[in-house]
Structures are given as structure tokens and as C-alpha cells.
C-alpha atoms as a PDB file:
ATOM      1  CA  UNK A   1      -0.154   0.129  -0.004  1.00  0.00           C
ATOM      2  CA  UNK A   2       1.177   3.532  -0.930  1.00  0.00           C
ATOM      3  CA  UNK A   3       0.368   6.866  -0.043  1.00  0.00           C
ATOM      4  CA  UNK A   4       1.652  10.299  -1.025  1.00  0.00           C
ATOM      5  CA  UNK A   5       2.706  13.014   1.197  1.00  0.00           C
ATOM      6  CA  UNK A   6       3.452  16.628   0.654  1.00  0.00           C
ATOM      7  CA  UNK A   7       5.864  18.424   2.432  1.00  0.00           C
ATOM      8  CA  UNK A   8       6.751  22.295   2.657  1.00  0.00           C
ATOM      9  CA  UNK A   9      10.295  22.342   3.747  1.00  0.00           C
ATOM     10  CA  UNK A  10      10.391  25.948   4.759  1.00  0.00           C
ATOM     11  CA  UNK A  11       7.139  26.035   6.848  1.00  0.00           C
ATOM     12  CA  UNK A  12       7.444  22.328   8.029  1.00  0.00           C
ATOM     13  CA  UNK A  13       3.847  21.398   7.171  1.00  0.00           C
ATOM     14  CA  UNK A  14       3.050  17.879   5.792  1.00  0.00           C
ATOM     15  CA  UNK A  15      -0.147  16.730   4.300  1.00  0.00           C
ATOM     16  CA  UNK A  16      -0.631  12.818   4.173  1.00  0.00           C
ATOM     17  CA  UNK A  17      -2.847  11.650   1.551  1.00  0.00           C
ATOM     18  CA  UNK A  18      -5.979   9.608   2.545  1.00  0.00           C
ATOM     19  CA  UNK A  19      -6.220   7.331  -0.768  1.00  0.00           C
ATOM     20  CA  UNK A  20      -4.327   4.236  -0.800  1.00  0.00           C
ATOM     21  CA  UNK A  21      -2.833   3.078  -4.077  1.00  0.00           C
ATOM     22  CA  UNK A  22      -1.107  -0.266  -4.986  1.00  0.00           C
ATOM     23  CA  UNK A  23       1.530   0.917  -7.066  1.00  0.00           C
ATOM     24  CA  UNK A  24       4.309   3.871  -6.920  1.00  0.00           C
ATOM     25  CA  UNK A  25       3.198   5.088 -10.277  1.00  0.00           C
ATOM     26  CA  UNK A  26      -0.211   5.535  -8.920  1.00  0.00           C
ATOM     27  CA  UNK A  27       1.152   7.461  -6.115  1.00  0.00           C
ATOM     28  CA  UNK A  28       3.202   9.802  -8.349  1.00  0.00           C
ATOM     29  CA  UNK A  29       0.322  10.295 -10.479  1.00  0.00           C
ATOM     30  CA  UNK A  30      -2.138  10.882  -7.679  1.00  0.00           C
ATOM     31  CA  UNK A  31       0.147  13.620  -5.991  1.00  0.00           C
ATOM     32  CA  UNK A  32       0.599  15.473  -9.308  1.00  0.00           C
ATOM     33  CA  UNK A  33      -3.259  15.355  -9.630  1.00  0.00           C
ATOM     34  CA  UNK A  34      -3.618  16.869  -6.387  1.00  0.00           C
ATOM     35  CA  UNK A  35      -0.683  19.408  -6.531  1.00  0.00           C
ATOM     36  CA  UNK A  36      -0.179  20.282 -10.563  1.00  0.00           C
ATOM     37  CA  UNK A  37       2.341  23.005  -9.900  1.00  0.00           C
ATOM     38  CA  UNK A  38       4.736  20.624  -8.046  1.00  0.00           C
ATOM     39  CA  UNK A  39       7.543  19.558 -10.131  1.00  0.00           C
ATOM     40  CA  UNK A  40       9.437  17.080  -7.937  1.00  0.00           C
ATOM     41  CA  UNK A  41       7.723  14.096  -6.616  1.00  0.00           C
ATOM     42  CA  UNK A  42       9.492  11.851  -4.066  1.00  0.00           C
ATOM     43  CA  UNK A  43       7.754   8.588  -2.840  1.00  0.00           C
ATOM     44  CA  UNK A  44       9.195   7.616   0.246  1.00  0.00           C
ATOM     45  CA  UNK A  45       7.820   3.858  -0.061  1.00  0.00           C
ATOM     46  CA  UNK A  46       5.684   1.697   2.093  1.00  0.00           C
ATOM     47  CA  UNK A  47       5.962   2.261   5.883  1.00  0.00           C
ATOM     48  CA  UNK A  48       8.139  -0.379   7.756  1.00  0.00           C
ATOM     49  CA  UNK A  49       6.348  -3.177   9.506  1.00  0.00           C
ATOM     50  CA  UNK A  50       5.834  -2.684  13.361  1.00  0.00           C
ATOM     51  CA  UNK A  51       8.790  -4.024  15.663  1.00  0.00           C
ATOM     52  CA  UNK A  52       8.247  -7.473  17.293  1.00  0.00           C
ATOM     53  CA  UNK A  53       6.324  -7.679  20.671  1.00  0.00           C
ATOM     54  CA  UNK A  54       7.413  -8.744  23.888  1.00  0.00           C
ATOM     55  CA  UNK A  55       5.749 -12.484  23.385  1.00  0.00           C
ATOM     56  CA  UNK A  56       7.431 -12.892  19.977  1.00  0.00           C
ATOM     57  CA  UNK A  57      10.665 -11.594  21.195  1.00  0.00           C
ATOM     58  CA  UNK A  58      10.431 -14.213  24.133  1.00  0.00           C
ATOM     59  CA  UNK A  59       9.249 -17.133  21.935  1.00  0.00           C
ATOM     60  CA  UNK A  60      12.312 -16.579  19.725  1.00  0.00           C
ATOM     61  CA  UNK A  61      14.743 -16.576  22.434  1.00  0.00           C
ATOM     62  CA  UNK A  62      13.116 -19.766  23.749  1.00  0.00           C
ATOM     63  CA  UNK A  63      13.064 -21.385  20.482  1.00  0.00           C
ATOM     64  CA  UNK A  64      16.956 -20.707  19.952  1.00  0.00           C
ATOM     65  CA  UNK A  65      17.783 -21.933  23.413  1.00  0.00           C
ATOM     66  CA  UNK A  66      15.727 -25.165  22.711  1.00  0.00           C
ATOM     67  CA  UNK A  67      17.424 -25.579  19.317  1.00  0.00           C
ATOM     68  CA  UNK A  68      20.929 -25.197  20.853  1.00  0.00           C
ATOM     69  CA  UNK A  69      20.064 -27.716  23.527  1.00  0.00           C
ATOM     70  CA  UNK A  70      18.621 -30.364  21.219  1.00  0.00           C
ATOM     71  CA  UNK A  71      21.705 -29.819  19.059  1.00  0.00           C
ATOM     72  CA  UNK A  72      24.308 -30.171  21.985  1.00  0.00           C
ATOM     73  CA  UNK A  73      22.494 -33.192  23.450  1.00  0.00           C
ATOM     74  CA  UNK A  74      22.790 -34.611  19.940  1.00  0.00           C
ATOM     75  CA  UNK A  75      26.594 -34.047  19.812  1.00  0.00           C
ATOM     76  CA  UNK A  76      26.853 -35.679  23.342  1.00  0.00           C
ATOM     77  CA  UNK A  77      25.025 -38.784  22.071  1.00  0.00           C
ATOM     78  CA  UNK A  78      27.015 -39.194  19.163  1.00  0.00           C
ATOM     79  CA  UNK A  79      30.216 -38.708  20.788  1.00  0.00           C
ATOM     80  CA  UNK A  80      29.160 -41.193  23.937  1.00  0.00           C
ATOM     81  CA  UNK A  81      28.394 -43.668  20.875  1.00  0.00           C
ATOM     82  CA  UNK A  82      31.972 -43.405  19.380  1.00  0.00           C
ATOM     83  CA  UNK A  83      33.230 -43.673  22.760  1.00  0.00           C
ATOM     84  CA  UNK A  84      31.570 -47.079  23.469  1.00  0.00           C
ATOM     85  CA  UNK A  85      32.441 -48.354  19.932  1.00  0.00           C
ATOM     86  CA  UNK A  86      29.390 -48.325  18.331  1.00  0.00           C
ATOM     87  CA  UNK A  87      25.981 -47.490  18.111  1.00  0.00           C
ATOM     88  CA  UNK A  88      23.974 -47.375  21.385  1.00  0.00           C
ATOM     89  CA  UNK A  89      21.378 -50.061  20.343  1.00  0.00           C
ATOM     90  CA  UNK A  90      23.578 -52.685  21.395  1.00  0.00           C
ATOM     91  CA  UNK A  91      26.687 -54.826  19.636  1.00  0.00           C
ATOM     92  CA  UNK A  92      27.036 -54.997  15.932  1.00  0.00           C
ATOM     93  CA  UNK A  93      25.263 -58.247  14.340  1.00  0.00           C
ATOM     94  CA  UNK A  94      27.514 -61.095  13.597  1.00  0.00           C
END
């Protein structure tokens, strides 16, 4: 979603459009229609997504910790199997 914005540099006045369009070209056309005397149109781009909340940050942190613990356990299990001369399932078949 795109919107055009008019900003007057000397006075610091900014006007944001209430019309949402789907492409950058539509924004430029809409801005030129609203302000025909403006020769320079700059499109700032779509707004950034909001930062993740506390719950999502906590879940990511715990997920990374759980993954690290599983990888450590797998490495230790593999090391223990090598130390005992084979797999943990029992002696190799004859």
C-alpha cells in the first residue's frame, strides 16, 4: 500500500493523503493530480512493519535456546556412541 505525502520544507507543513494505492506510479499520478504545480515528486516507500512484541521476542529466544540444547544433546550422544565402540542400540550383528 502506498500513500503520497506533501511536505513544505520552509514551513515544515506535511499533508498525508487519505487515498491508498497499490503501485508507486499511481502515487506519483495522484500527487501530481492533487498538486499540479509541484515539479518534484518523491515517493518515500511503504511504511516499515512494526517491531516484534514482547511475546514474539520471548518465543524466539526460547526457541533458539531449545534448538541449541537439542544440538548439544545430539552431539554428546554421538560422542558417547563413538566412545563405546558403536551405536547405542547394542553390539553389531555377527
